[in-house]
């Protein structure tokens, strides 16, 4: 396992919970910044818990927190790639629910169009 570099936001997210995989997608972080900016929210001022809440989802079946990039769309449902069960991204689950959904769907749109967030 690689040592944690606490100057890197992805490493800070990883250190918060053992369940979080070590593959924090930089494109997802950039999408989160853009979505927060559109909503008038300074991404850099968020706490680590808030940041994790924006870019990760909770799967009750496998009792784990996973990055939004681990969700797939299958027959109009969002499915956890770890346990193949549907996951709901509630828009009202907390104050960041709407932003989490927006981040997920922007990531999905970028994947469909082949667009990189740096374009």
PDB file of N, CA and C in Angstrom:
ATOM      1  N   UNK A   1       0.847  -1.178   0.000  1.00  0.00           N
ATOM      2  CA  UNK A   1       0.000   0.000   0.000  1.00  0.00           C
ATOM      3  C   UNK A   1       0.892   1.241   0.000  1.00  0.00           C
ATOM      4  N   UNK A   2       0.499   2.229  -0.779  1.00  0.00           N
ATOM      5  CA  UNK A   2       1.310   3.437  -0.888  1.00  0.00           C
ATOM      6  C   UNK A   2       1.098   4.333   0.335  1.00  0.00           C
ATOM      7  N   UNK A   3       2.123   5.125   0.715  1.00  0.00           N
ATOM      8  CA  UNK A   3       1.967   6.032   1.856  1.00  0.00           C
ATOM      9  C   UNK A   3       1.006   7.159   1.501  1.00  0.00           C
ATOM     10  N   UNK A   4       0.318   7.687   2.498  1.00  0.00           N
ATOM     11  CA  UNK A   4      -0.638   8.766   2.268  1.00  0.00           C
ATOM     12  C   UNK A   4       0.082  10.098   2.142  1.00  0.00           C
ATOM     13  N   UNK A   5      -0.288  10.858   1.135  1.00  0.00           N
ATOM     14  CA  UNK A   5       0.207  12.211   0.957  1.00  0.00           C
ATOM     15  C   UNK A   5      -0.949  13.121   1.341  1.00  0.00           C
ATOM     16  N   UNK A   6      -0.932  13.668   2.553  1.00  0.00           N
ATOM     17  CA  UNK A   6      -2.070  14.431   3.046  1.00  0.00           C
ATOM     18  C   UNK A   6      -2.238  15.778   2.361  1.00  0.00           C
ATOM     19  N   UNK A   7      -1.326  16.170   1.479  1.00  0.00           N
ATOM     20  CA  UNK A   7      -1.511  17.393   0.708  1.00  0.00           C
ATOM     21  C   UNK A   7      -2.418  17.140  -0.494  1.00  0.00           C
ATOM     22  N   UNK A   8      -2.664  15.896  -0.799  1.00  0.00           N
ATOM     23  CA  UNK A   8      -3.499  15.511  -1.934  1.00  0.00           C
ATOM     24  C   UNK A   8      -4.910  15.221  -1.443  1.00  0.00           C
ATOM     25  N   UNK A   9      -5.917  15.907  -1.989  1.00  0.00           N
ATOM     26  CA  UNK A   9      -7.301  15.757  -1.526  1.00  0.00           C
ATOM     27  C   UNK A   9      -7.791  14.314  -1.675  1.00  0.00           C
ATOM     28  N   UNK A  10      -7.388  13.615  -2.722  1.00  0.00           N
ATOM     29  CA  UNK A  10      -7.799  12.222  -2.900  1.00  0.00           C
ATOM     30  C   UNK A  10      -7.268  11.368  -1.759  1.00  0.00           C
ATOM     31  N   UNK A  11      -6.025  11.585  -1.368  1.00  0.00           N
ATOM     32  CA  UNK A  11      -5.463  10.827  -0.254  1.00  0.00           C
ATOM     33  C   UNK A  11      -6.174  11.157   1.048  1.00  0.00           C
ATOM     34  N   UNK A  12      -6.585  12.407   1.218  1.00  0.00           N
ATOM     35  CA  UNK A  12      -7.326  12.768   2.419  1.00  0.00           C
ATOM     36  C   UNK A  12      -8.655  12.027   2.463  1.00  0.00           C
ATOM     37  N   UNK A  13      -9.318  11.934   1.325  1.00  0.00           N
ATOM     38  CA  UNK A  13     -10.570  11.179   1.266  1.00  0.00           C
ATOM     39  C   UNK A  13     -10.330   9.719   1.598  1.00  0.00           C
ATOM     40  N   UNK A  14      -9.273   9.163   1.064  1.00  0.00           N
ATOM     41  CA  UNK A  14      -8.965   7.753   1.280  1.00  0.00           C
ATOM     42  C   UNK A  14      -8.701   7.486   2.756  1.00  0.00           C
ATOM     43  N   UNK A  15      -7.994   8.393   3.425  1.00  0.00           N
ATOM     44  CA  UNK A  15      -7.637   8.160   4.815  1.00  0.00           C
ATOM     45  C   UNK A  15      -8.841   8.228   5.745  1.00  0.00           C
ATOM     46  N   UNK A  16      -9.944   8.805   5.311  1.00  0.00           N
ATOM     47  CA  UNK A  16     -11.107   8.972   6.169  1.00  0.00           C
ATOM     48  C   UNK A  16     -11.818   7.673   6.480  1.00  0.00           C
ATOM     49  N   UNK A  17     -11.848   6.756   5.580  1.00  0.00           N
ATOM     50  CA  UNK A  17     -12.577   5.510   5.810  1.00  0.00           C
ATOM     51  C   UNK A  17     -11.846   4.372   5.134  1.00  0.00           C
ATOM     52  N   UNK A  18     -11.722   3.277   5.814  1.00  0.00           N
ATOM     53  CA  UNK A  18     -11.009   2.134   5.256  1.00  0.00           C
ATOM     54  C   UNK A  18     -11.754   1.538   4.075  1.00  0.00           C
ATOM     55  N   UNK A  19     -13.063   1.767   3.980  1.00  0.00           N
ATOM     56  CA  UNK A  19     -13.864   1.181   2.911  1.00  0.00           C
ATOM     57  C   UNK A  19     -13.601   1.834   1.565  1.00  0.00           C
ATOM     58  N   UNK A  20     -13.063   3.032   1.567  1.00  0.00           N
ATOM     59  CA  UNK A  20     -12.903   3.778   0.323  1.00  0.00           C
ATOM     60  C   UNK A  20     -11.709   3.236  -0.447  1.00  0.00           C
ATOM     61  N   UNK A  21     -11.920   2.848  -1.717  1.00  0.00           N
ATOM     62  CA  UNK A  21     -10.815   2.336  -2.520  1.00  0.00           C
ATOM     63  C   UNK A  21      -9.762   3.413  -2.779  1.00  0.00           C
ATOM     64  N   UNK A  22      -8.576   2.990  -3.137  1.00  0.00           N
ATOM     65  CA  UNK A  22      -7.481   3.937  -3.332  1.00  0.00           C
ATOM     66  C   UNK A  22      -7.490   4.577  -4.720  1.00  0.00           C
ATOM     67  N   UNK A  23      -8.556   4.413  -5.471  1.00  0.00           N
ATOM     68  CA  UNK A  23      -8.601   4.970  -6.826  1.00  0.00           C
ATOM     69  C   UNK A  23      -9.568   6.147  -6.893  1.00  0.00           C
ATOM     70  N   UNK A  24      -9.149   7.281  -6.392  1.00  0.00           N
ATOM     71  CA  UNK A  24      -9.949   8.492  -6.469  1.00  0.00           C
ATOM     72  C   UNK A  24      -9.762   9.070  -7.872  1.00  0.00           C
ATOM     73  N   UNK A  25     -10.823   9.107  -8.652  1.00  0.00           N
ATOM     74  CA  UNK A  25     -10.762   9.533 -10.044  1.00  0.00           C
ATOM     75  C   UNK A  25     -10.618  11.058 -10.128  1.00  0.00           C
ATOM     76  N   UNK A  26      -9.513  11.564 -10.657  1.00  0.00           N
ATOM     77  CA  UNK A  26      -9.326  13.013 -10.773  1.00  0.00           C
ATOM     78  C   UNK A  26     -10.412  13.679 -11.619  1.00  0.00           C
ATOM     79  N   UNK A  27     -10.936  12.975 -12.612  1.00  0.00           N
ATOM     80  CA  UNK A  27     -12.009  13.539 -13.441  1.00  0.00           C
ATOM     81  C   UNK A  27     -13.263  13.764 -12.600  1.00  0.00           C
ATOM     82  N   UNK A  28     -13.537  12.856 -11.672  1.00  0.00           N
ATOM     83  CA  UNK A  28     -14.698  12.998 -10.797  1.00  0.00           C
ATOM     84  C   UNK A  28     -14.529  14.198  -9.867  1.00  0.00           C
ATOM     85  N   UNK A  29     -13.320  14.412  -9.385  1.00  0.00           N
ATOM     86  CA  UNK A  29     -13.036  15.571  -8.533  1.00  0.00           C
ATOM     87  C   UNK A  29     -13.273  16.853  -9.323  1.00  0.00           C
ATOM     88  N   UNK A  30     -12.831  16.884 -10.568  1.00  0.00           N
ATOM     89  CA  UNK A  30     -13.022  18.072 -11.406  1.00  0.00           C
ATOM     90  C   UNK A  30     -14.506  18.316 -11.683  1.00  0.00           C
ATOM     91  N   UNK A  31     -15.259  17.263 -11.949  1.00  0.00           N
ATOM     92  CA  UNK A  31     -16.703  17.399 -12.158  1.00  0.00           C
ATOM     93  C   UNK A  31     -17.358  17.939 -10.895  1.00  0.00           C
ATOM     94  N   UNK A  32     -16.946  17.431  -9.742  1.00  0.00           N
ATOM     95  CA  UNK A  32     -17.497  17.907  -8.465  1.00  0.00           C
ATOM     96  C   UNK A  32     -17.219  19.394  -8.282  1.00  0.00           C
ATOM     97  N   UNK A  33     -16.015  19.827  -8.636  1.00  0.00           N
ATOM     98  CA  UNK A  33     -15.680  21.259  -8.549  1.00  0.00           C
ATOM     99  C   UNK A  33     -16.611  22.086  -9.435  1.00  0.00           C
ATOM    100  N   UNK A  34     -16.812  21.621 -10.680  1.00  0.00           N
ATOM    101  CA  UNK A  34     -17.650  22.350 -11.630  1.00  0.00           C
ATOM    102  C   UNK A  34     -19.098  22.424 -11.161  1.00  0.00           C
ATOM    103  N   UNK A  35     -19.642  21.304 -10.691  1.00  0.00           N
ATOM    104  CA  UNK A  35     -21.030  21.266 -10.231  1.00  0.00           C
ATOM    105  C   UNK A  35     -21.210  22.178  -9.015  1.00  0.00           C
ATOM    106  N   UNK A  36     -20.279  22.120  -8.082  1.00  0.00           N
ATOM    107  CA  UNK A  36     -20.356  22.986  -6.901  1.00  0.00           C
ATOM    108  C   UNK A  36     -20.282  24.451  -7.307  1.00  0.00           C
ATOM    109  N   UNK A  37     -19.403  24.762  -8.246  1.00  0.00           N
ATOM    110  CA  UNK A  37     -19.255  26.133  -8.717  1.00  0.00           C
ATOM    111  C   UNK A  37     -20.555  26.649  -9.334  1.00  0.00           C
ATOM    112  N   UNK A  38     -21.222  25.809 -10.132  1.00  0.00           N
ATOM    113  CA  UNK A  38     -22.498  26.198 -10.742  1.00  0.00           C
ATOM    114  C   UNK A  38     -23.561  26.490  -9.690  1.00  0.00           C
ATOM    115  N   UNK A  39     -23.466  25.817  -8.543  1.00  0.00           N
ATOM    116  CA  UNK A  39     -24.430  26.010  -7.456  1.00  0.00           C
ATOM    117  C   UNK A  39     -23.982  27.084  -6.467  1.00  0.00           C
ATOM    118  N   UNK A  40     -22.864  27.757  -6.784  1.00  0.00           N
ATOM    119  CA  UNK A  40     -22.368  28.814  -5.918  1.00  0.00           C
ATOM    120  C   UNK A  40     -21.713  28.306  -4.641  1.00  0.00           C
ATOM    121  N   UNK A  41     -21.209  27.087  -4.677  1.00  0.00           N
ATOM    122  CA  UNK A  41     -20.580  26.464  -3.514  1.00  0.00           C
ATOM    123  C   UNK A  41     -19.087  26.302  -3.787  1.00  0.00           C
ATOM    124  N   UNK A  42     -18.260  26.754  -2.869  1.00  0.00           N
ATOM    125  CA  UNK A  42     -16.809  26.643  -3.023  1.00  0.00           C
ATOM    126  C   UNK A  42     -16.370  25.243  -2.629  1.00  0.00           C
ATOM    127  N   UNK A  43     -16.000  24.441  -3.606  1.00  0.00           N
ATOM    128  CA  UNK A  43     -15.601  23.051  -3.379  1.00  0.00           C
ATOM    129  C   UNK A  43     -14.435  22.958  -2.406  1.00  0.00           C
ATOM    130  N   UNK A  44     -13.487  23.863  -2.521  1.00  0.00           N
ATOM    131  CA  UNK A  44     -12.291  23.822  -1.681  1.00  0.00           C
ATOM    132  C   UNK A  44     -12.596  24.114  -0.217  1.00  0.00           C
ATOM    133  N   UNK A  45     -13.727  24.754   0.063  1.00  0.00           N
ATOM    134  CA  UNK A  45     -14.055  25.082   1.454  1.00  0.00           C
ATOM    135  C   UNK A  45     -14.839  23.966   2.153  1.00  0.00           C
ATOM    136  N   UNK A  46     -15.209  22.928   1.418  1.00  0.00           N
ATOM    137  CA  UNK A  46     -15.968  21.829   2.016  1.00  0.00           C
ATOM    138  C   UNK A  46     -15.089  21.006   2.950  1.00  0.00           C
ATOM    139  N   UNK A  47     -15.721  20.439   3.973  1.00  0.00           N
ATOM    140  CA  UNK A  47     -14.980  19.536   4.854  1.00  0.00           C
ATOM    141  C   UNK A  47     -14.749  18.223   4.115  1.00  0.00           C
ATOM    142  N   UNK A  48     -13.872  17.414   4.659  1.00  0.00           N
ATOM    143  CA  UNK A  48     -13.598  16.125   4.024  1.00  0.00           C
ATOM    144  C   UNK A  48     -14.836  15.236   4.001  1.00  0.00           C
ATOM    145  N   UNK A  49     -15.633  15.288   5.073  1.00  0.00           N
ATOM    146  CA  UNK A  49     -16.856  14.483   5.108  1.00  0.00           C
ATOM    147  C   UNK A  49     -17.834  14.934   4.022  1.00  0.00           C
ATOM    148  N   UNK A  50     -17.964  16.241   3.832  1.00  0.00           N
ATOM    149  CA  UNK A  50     -18.849  16.768   2.798  1.00  0.00           C
ATOM    150  C   UNK A  50     -18.352  16.387   1.412  1.00  0.00           C
ATOM    151  N   UNK A  51     -17.043  16.485   1.205  1.00  0.00           N
ATOM    152  CA  UNK A  51     -16.464  16.131  -0.091  1.00  0.00           C
ATOM    153  C   UNK A  51     -16.704  14.662  -0.396  1.00  0.00           C
ATOM    154  N   UNK A  52     -16.469  13.817   0.585  1.00  0.00           N
ATOM    155  CA  UNK A  52     -16.710  12.385   0.394  1.00  0.00           C
ATOM    156  C   UNK A  52     -18.190  12.126   0.099  1.00  0.00           C
ATOM    157  N   UNK A  53     -19.064  12.855   0.772  1.00  0.00           N
ATOM    158  CA  UNK A  53     -20.496  12.700   0.542  1.00  0.00           C
ATOM    159  C   UNK A  53     -20.921  13.071  -0.868  1.00  0.00           C
ATOM    160  N   UNK A  54     -20.165  13.953  -1.501  1.00  0.00           N
ATOM    161  CA  UNK A  54     -20.482  14.348  -2.874  1.00  0.00           C
ATOM    162  C   UNK A  54     -20.008  13.332  -3.904  1.00  0.00           C
ATOM    163  N   UNK A  55     -18.899  12.670  -3.642  1.00  0.00           N
ATOM    164  CA  UNK A  55     -18.278  11.838  -4.667  1.00  0.00           C
ATOM    165  C   UNK A  55     -18.390  10.336  -4.421  1.00  0.00           C
ATOM    166  N   UNK A  56     -19.039   9.948  -3.330  1.00  0.00           N
ATOM    167  CA  UNK A  56     -19.178   8.532  -2.997  1.00  0.00           C
ATOM    168  C   UNK A  56     -20.627   8.214  -2.685  1.00  0.00           C
ATOM    169  N   UNK A  57     -21.013   6.980  -2.857  1.00  0.00           N
ATOM    170  CA  UNK A  57     -22.362   6.537  -2.512  1.00  0.00           C
ATOM    171  C   UNK A  57     -22.274   5.402  -1.502  1.00  0.00           C
ATOM    172  N   UNK A  58     -23.355   5.211  -0.758  1.00  0.00           N
ATOM    173  CA  UNK A  58     -23.442   4.129   0.222  1.00  0.00           C
ATOM    174  C   UNK A  58     -24.274   3.007  -0.379  1.00  0.00           C
ATOM    175  N   UNK A  59     -23.742   1.800  -0.357  1.00  0.00           N
ATOM    176  CA  UNK A  59     -24.495   0.628  -0.804  1.00  0.00           C
ATOM    177  C   UNK A  59     -24.851  -0.179   0.438  1.00  0.00           C
ATOM    178  N   UNK A  60     -26.135  -0.294   0.720  1.00  0.00           N
ATOM    179  CA  UNK A  60     -26.558  -1.005   1.926  1.00  0.00           C
ATOM    180  C   UNK A  60     -26.396  -2.511   1.779  1.00  0.00           C
ATOM    181  N   UNK A  61     -26.376  -3.022   0.553  1.00  0.00           N
ATOM    182  CA  UNK A  61     -26.223  -4.463   0.353  1.00  0.00           C
ATOM    183  C   UNK A  61     -24.817  -4.928   0.706  1.00  0.00           C
ATOM    184  N   UNK A  62     -23.812  -4.236   0.191  1.00  0.00           N
ATOM    185  CA  UNK A  62     -22.442  -4.643   0.516  1.00  0.00           C
ATOM    186  C   UNK A  62     -21.870  -3.832   1.677  1.00  0.00           C
ATOM    187  N   UNK A  63     -22.714  -3.005   2.301  1.00  0.00           N
ATOM    188  CA  UNK A  63     -22.326  -2.207   3.480  1.00  0.00           C
ATOM    189  C   UNK A  63     -21.013  -1.475   3.265  1.00  0.00           C
ATOM    190  N   UNK A  64     -20.945  -0.767   2.150  1.00  0.00           N
ATOM    191  CA  UNK A  64     -19.714  -0.055   1.846  1.00  0.00           C
ATOM    192  C   UNK A  64     -19.944   1.269   1.158  1.00  0.00           C
ATOM    193  N   UNK A  65     -18.947   2.121   1.249  1.00  0.00           N
ATOM    194  CA  UNK A  65     -18.926   3.392   0.556  1.00  0.00           C
ATOM    195  C   UNK A  65     -18.036   3.229  -0.662  1.00  0.00           C
ATOM    196  N   UNK A  66     -18.559   3.616  -1.828  1.00  0.00           N
ATOM    197  CA  UNK A  66     -17.828   3.440  -3.082  1.00  0.00           C
ATOM    198  C   UNK A  66     -17.888   4.733  -3.892  1.00  0.00           C
ATOM    199  N   UNK A  67     -16.887   4.998  -4.746  1.00  0.00           N
ATOM    200  CA  UNK A  67     -16.928   6.196  -5.592  1.00  0.00           C
ATOM    201  C   UNK A  67     -18.083   6.112  -6.589  1.00  0.00           C
ATOM    202  N   UNK A  68     -18.626   7.267  -6.933  1.00  0.00           N
ATOM    203  CA  UNK A  68     -19.724   7.310  -7.902  1.00  0.00           C
ATOM    204  C   UNK A  68     -19.344   6.651  -9.221  1.00  0.00           C
ATOM    205  N   UNK A  69     -18.057   6.606  -9.524  1.00  0.00           N
ATOM    206  CA  UNK A  69     -17.607   5.979 -10.766  1.00  0.00           C
ATOM    207  C   UNK A  69     -17.838   4.471 -10.761  1.00  0.00           C
ATOM    208  N   UNK A  70     -18.147   3.900  -9.591  1.00  0.00           N
ATOM    209  CA  UNK A  70     -18.415   2.462  -9.503  1.00  0.00           C
ATOM    210  C   UNK A  70     -19.880   2.114  -9.753  1.00  0.00           C
ATOM    211  N   UNK A  71     -20.712   3.115 -10.012  1.00  0.00           N
ATOM    212  CA  UNK A  71     -22.113   2.859 -10.352  1.00  0.00           C
ATOM    213  C   UNK A  71     -22.243   2.697 -11.857  1.00  0.00           C
ATOM    214  N   UNK A  72     -23.120   1.805 -12.280  1.00  0.00           N
ATOM    215  CA  UNK A  72     -23.421   1.661 -13.701  1.00  0.00           C
ATOM    216  C   UNK A  72     -24.926   1.783 -13.888  1.00  0.00           C
ATOM    217  N   UNK A  73     -25.335   2.192 -15.080  1.00  0.00           N
ATOM    218  CA  UNK A  73     -26.753   2.271 -15.404  1.00  0.00           C
ATOM    219  C   UNK A  73     -27.139   0.990 -16.115  1.00  0.00           C
ATOM    220  N   UNK A  74     -28.147   0.319 -15.596  1.00  0.00           N
ATOM    221  CA  UNK A  74     -28.615  -0.929 -16.171  1.00  0.00           C
ATOM    222  C   UNK A  74     -30.132  -0.944 -16.098  1.00  0.00           C
ATOM    223  N   UNK A  75     -30.785  -0.981 -17.245  1.00  0.00           N
ATOM    224  CA  UNK A  75     -32.250  -0.985 -17.306  1.00  0.00           C
ATOM    225  C   UNK A  75     -32.854   0.130 -16.451  1.00  0.00           C
ATOM    226  N   UNK A  76     -32.375   1.343 -16.665  1.00  0.00           N
ATOM    227  CA  UNK A  76     -32.854   2.547 -15.988  1.00  0.00           C
ATOM    228  C   UNK A  76     -32.625   2.533 -14.483  1.00  0.00           C
ATOM    229  N   UNK A  77     -31.724   1.696 -14.011  1.00  0.00           N
ATOM    230  CA  UNK A  77     -31.386   1.670 -12.590  1.00  0.00           C
ATOM    231  C   UNK A  77     -29.888   1.883 -12.442  1.00  0.00           C
ATOM    232  N   UNK A  78     -29.515   2.505 -11.341  1.00  0.00           N
ATOM    233  CA  UNK A  78     -28.106   2.637 -10.998  1.00  0.00           C
ATOM    234  C   UNK A  78     -27.737   1.402 -10.191  1.00  0.00           C
ATOM    235  N   UNK A  79     -26.707   0.674 -10.621  1.00  0.00           N
ATOM    236  CA  UNK A  79     -26.348  -0.600 -10.005  1.00  0.00           C
ATOM    237  C   UNK A  79     -24.926  -0.530  -9.455  1.00  0.00           C
ATOM    238  N   UNK A  80     -24.769  -1.017  -8.233  1.00  0.00           N
ATOM    239  CA  UNK A  80     -23.449  -1.099  -7.598  1.00  0.00           C
ATOM    240  C   UNK A  80     -22.650  -2.193  -8.294  1.00  0.00           C
ATOM    241  N   UNK A  81     -21.449  -1.867  -8.740  1.00  0.00           N
ATOM    242  CA  UNK A  81     -20.628  -2.863  -9.437  1.00  0.00           C
ATOM    243  C   UNK A  81     -20.021  -3.885  -8.488  1.00  0.00           C
ATOM    244  N   UNK A  82     -20.118  -3.639  -7.200  1.00  0.00           N
ATOM    245  CA  UNK A  82     -19.541  -4.554  -6.217  1.00  0.00           C
ATOM    246  C   UNK A  82     -20.474  -5.706  -5.873  1.00  0.00           C
ATOM    247  N   UNK A  83     -21.795  -5.445  -5.910  1.00  0.00           N
ATOM    248  CA  UNK A  83     -22.738  -6.491  -5.499  1.00  0.00           C
ATOM    249  C   UNK A  83     -23.892  -6.670  -6.485  1.00  0.00           C
ATOM    250  N   UNK A  84     -23.914  -5.892  -7.577  1.00  0.00           N
ATOM    251  CA  UNK A  84     -24.937  -5.991  -8.626  1.00  0.00           C
ATOM    252  C   UNK A  84     -26.355  -5.742  -8.131  1.00  0.00           C
ATOM    253  N   UNK A  85     -26.526  -4.878  -7.139  1.00  0.00           N
ATOM    254  CA  UNK A  85     -27.869  -4.525  -6.682  1.00  0.00           C
ATOM    255  C   UNK A  85     -28.135  -3.055  -6.980  1.00  0.00           C
ATOM    256  N   UNK A  86     -29.399  -2.700  -7.222  1.00  0.00           N
ATOM    257  CA  UNK A  86     -29.746  -1.304  -7.497  1.00  0.00           C
ATOM    258  C   UNK A  86     -29.448  -0.400  -6.297  1.00  0.00           C
ATOM    259  N   UNK A  87     -28.993   0.801  -6.600  1.00  0.00           N
ATOM    260  CA  UNK A  87     -28.683   1.803  -5.585  1.00  0.00           C
ATOM    261  C   UNK A  87     -29.469   3.049  -5.939  1.00  0.00           C
ATOM    262  N   UNK A  88     -30.052   3.685  -4.936  1.00  0.00           N
ATOM    263  CA  UNK A  88     -30.775   4.930  -5.173  1.00  0.00           C
ATOM    264  C   UNK A  88     -29.912   6.103  -4.737  1.00  0.00           C
ATOM    265  N   UNK A  89     -29.846   7.101  -5.588  1.00  0.00           N
ATOM    266  CA  UNK A  89     -29.182   8.355  -5.236  1.00  0.00           C
ATOM    267  C   UNK A  89     -30.289   9.362  -4.944  1.00  0.00           C
ATOM    268  N   UNK A  90     -30.685   9.444  -3.699  1.00  0.00           N
ATOM    269  CA  UNK A  90     -31.784  10.319  -3.317  1.00  0.00           C
ATOM    270  C   UNK A  90     -31.362  11.777  -3.425  1.00  0.00           C
ATOM    271  N   UNK A  91     -32.201  12.554  -4.069  1.00  0.00           N
ATOM    272  CA  UNK A  91     -31.907  13.980  -4.213  1.00  0.00           C
ATOM    273  C   UNK A  91     -32.080  14.702  -2.882  1.00  0.00           C
ATOM    274  N   UNK A  92     -32.833  14.112  -1.968  1.00  0.00           N
ATOM    275  CA  UNK A  92     -33.099  14.779  -0.700  1.00  0.00           C
ATOM    276  C   UNK A  92     -32.492  14.039   0.486  1.00  0.00           C
ATOM    277  N   UNK A  93     -31.551  13.126   0.244  1.00  0.00           N
ATOM    278  CA  UNK A  93     -30.980  12.342   1.342  1.00  0.00           C
ATOM    279  C   UNK A  93     -30.240  13.227   2.346  1.00  0.00           C
ATOM    280  N   UNK A  94     -29.652  14.273   1.891  1.00  0.00           N
ATOM    281  CA  UNK A  94     -29.046  15.298   2.743  1.00  0.00           C
ATOM    282  C   UNK A  94     -28.875  16.534   1.873  1.00  0.00           C
ATOM    283  N   UNK A  95     -28.257  17.567   2.414  1.00  0.00           N
ATOM    284  CA  UNK A  95     -28.188  18.804   1.627  1.00  0.00           C
ATOM    285  C   UNK A  95     -27.319  18.681   0.386  1.00  0.00           C
ATOM    286  N   UNK A  96     -26.527  17.631   0.293  1.00  0.00           N
ATOM    287  CA  UNK A  96     -25.683  17.443  -0.876  1.00  0.00           C
ATOM    288  C   UNK A  96     -26.237  16.403  -1.848  1.00  0.00           C
ATOM    289  N   UNK A  97     -27.411  15.864  -1.568  1.00  0.00           N
ATOM    290  CA  UNK A  97     -27.993  14.842  -2.434  1.00  0.00           C
ATOM    291  C   UNK A  97     -28.174  15.306  -3.872  1.00  0.00           C
ATOM    292  N   UNK A  98     -28.682  16.525  -4.037  1.00  0.00           N
ATOM    293  CA  UNK A  98     -28.889  17.081  -5.378  1.00  0.00           C
ATOM    294  C   UNK A  98     -27.555  17.212  -6.115  1.00  0.00           C
ATOM    295  N   UNK A  99     -26.542  17.672  -5.397  1.00  0.00           N
ATOM    296  CA  UNK A  99     -25.220  17.826  -6.011  1.00  0.00           C
ATOM    297  C   UNK A  99     -24.617  16.477  -6.370  1.00  0.00           C
ATOM    298  N   UNK A 100     -24.800  15.472  -5.508  1.00  0.00           N
ATOM    299  CA  UNK A 100     -24.264  14.132  -5.774  1.00  0.00           C
ATOM    300  C   UNK A 100     -24.869  13.569  -7.057  1.00  0.00           C
ATOM    301  N   UNK A 101     -26.185  13.725  -7.210  1.00  0.00           N
ATOM    302  CA  UNK A 101     -26.850  13.253  -8.432  1.00  0.00           C
ATOM    303  C   UNK A 101     -26.323  14.007  -9.652  1.00  0.00           C
ATOM    304  N   UNK A 102     -26.153  15.306  -9.520  1.00  0.00           N
ATOM    305  CA  UNK A 102     -25.648  16.110 -10.642  1.00  0.00           C
ATOM    306  C   UNK A 102     -24.237  15.679 -11.027  1.00  0.00           C
ATOM    307  N   UNK A 103     -23.398  15.389 -10.036  1.00  0.00           N
ATOM    308  CA  UNK A 103     -22.033  14.931 -10.300  1.00  0.00           C
ATOM    309  C   UNK A 103     -22.064  13.591 -11.016  1.00  0.00           C
ATOM    310  N   UNK A 104     -22.905  12.672 -10.535  1.00  0.00           N
ATOM    311  CA  UNK A 104     -22.999  11.351 -11.159  1.00  0.00           C
ATOM    312  C   UNK A 104     -23.447  11.464 -12.611  1.00  0.00           C
ATOM    313  N   UNK A 105     -24.509  12.229 -12.856  1.00  0.00           N
ATOM    314  CA  UNK A 105     -25.029  12.321 -14.220  1.00  0.00           C
ATOM    315  C   UNK A 105     -24.098  13.101 -15.148  1.00  0.00           C
ATOM    316  N   UNK A 106     -23.340  14.064 -14.621  1.00  0.00           N
ATOM    317  CA  UNK A 106     -22.339  14.749 -15.452  1.00  0.00           C
ATOM    318  C   UNK A 106     -21.213  13.793 -15.803  1.00  0.00           C
ATOM    319  N   UNK A 107     -20.793  12.984 -14.839  1.00  0.00           N
ATOM    320  CA  UNK A 107     -19.760  11.967 -15.105  1.00  0.00           C
ATOM    321  C   UNK A 107     -20.264  10.989 -16.167  1.00  0.00           C
ATOM    322  N   UNK A 108     -21.510  10.574 -16.060  1.00  0.00           N
ATOM    323  CA  UNK A 108     -22.107   9.660 -17.036  1.00  0.00           C
ATOM    324  C   UNK A 108     -22.160  10.309 -18.420  1.00  0.00           C
ATOM    325  N   UNK A 109     -22.579  11.570 -18.478  1.00  0.00           N
ATOM    326  CA  UNK A 109     -22.645  12.281 -19.760  1.00  0.00           C
ATOM    327  C   UNK A 109     -21.257  12.386 -20.391  1.00  0.00           C
ATOM    328  N   UNK A 110     -20.252  12.673 -19.577  1.00  0.00           N
ATOM    329  CA  UNK A 110     -18.882  12.753 -20.099  1.00  0.00           C
ATOM    330  C   UNK A 110     -18.417  11.404 -20.630  1.00  0.00           C
ATOM    331  N   UNK A 111     -18.779  10.329 -19.937  1.00  0.00           N
ATOM    332  CA  UNK A 111     -18.389   8.985 -20.383  1.00  0.00           C
ATOM    333  C   UNK A 111     -19.068   8.625 -21.701  1.00  0.00           C
ATOM    334  N   UNK A 112     -20.328   9.004 -21.846  1.00  0.00           N
ATOM    335  CA  UNK A 112     -21.080   8.688 -23.065  1.00  0.00           C
ATOM    336  C   UNK A 112     -20.526   9.456 -24.261  1.00  0.00           C
ATOM    337  N   UNK A 113     -20.218  10.729 -24.038  1.00  0.00           N
ATOM    338  CA  UNK A 113     -19.729  11.558 -25.143  1.00  0.00           C
ATOM    339  C   UNK A 113     -18.224  11.428 -25.349  1.00  0.00           C
ATOM    340  N   UNK A 114     -17.559  10.714 -24.444  1.00  0.00           N
ATOM    341  CA  UNK A 114     -16.111  10.560 -24.552  1.00  0.00           C
ATOM    342  C   UNK A 114     -15.369  11.826 -24.201  1.00  0.00           C
ATOM    343  N   UNK A 115     -16.035  12.698 -23.468  1.00  0.00           N
ATOM    344  CA  UNK A 115     -15.474  13.989 -23.124  1.00  0.00           C
ATOM    345  C   UNK A 115     -14.693  13.882 -21.820  1.00  0.00           C
ATOM    346  N   UNK A 116     -13.509  14.465 -21.805  1.00  0.00           N
ATOM    347  CA  UNK A 116     -12.703  14.539 -20.587  1.00  0.00           C
ATOM    348  C   UNK A 116     -13.053  15.849 -19.904  1.00  0.00           C
ATOM    349  N   UNK A 117     -13.086  15.880 -18.579  1.00  0.00           N
ATOM    350  CA  UNK A 117     -13.457  17.105 -17.873  1.00  0.00           C
ATOM    351  C   UNK A 117     -12.457  18.232 -18.101  1.00  0.00           C
ATOM    352  N   UNK A 118     -11.260  17.923 -18.568  1.00  0.00           N
ATOM    353  CA  UNK A 118     -10.264  18.963 -18.849  1.00  0.00           C
ATOM    354  C   UNK A 118     -10.447  19.578 -20.227  1.00  0.00           C
ATOM    355  N   UNK A 119     -11.368  19.030 -21.047  1.00  0.00           N
ATOM    356  CA  UNK A 119     -11.609  19.572 -22.397  1.00  0.00           C
ATOM    357  C   UNK A 119     -12.321  20.902 -22.330  1.00  0.00           C
TER     358      UNK A 119
END
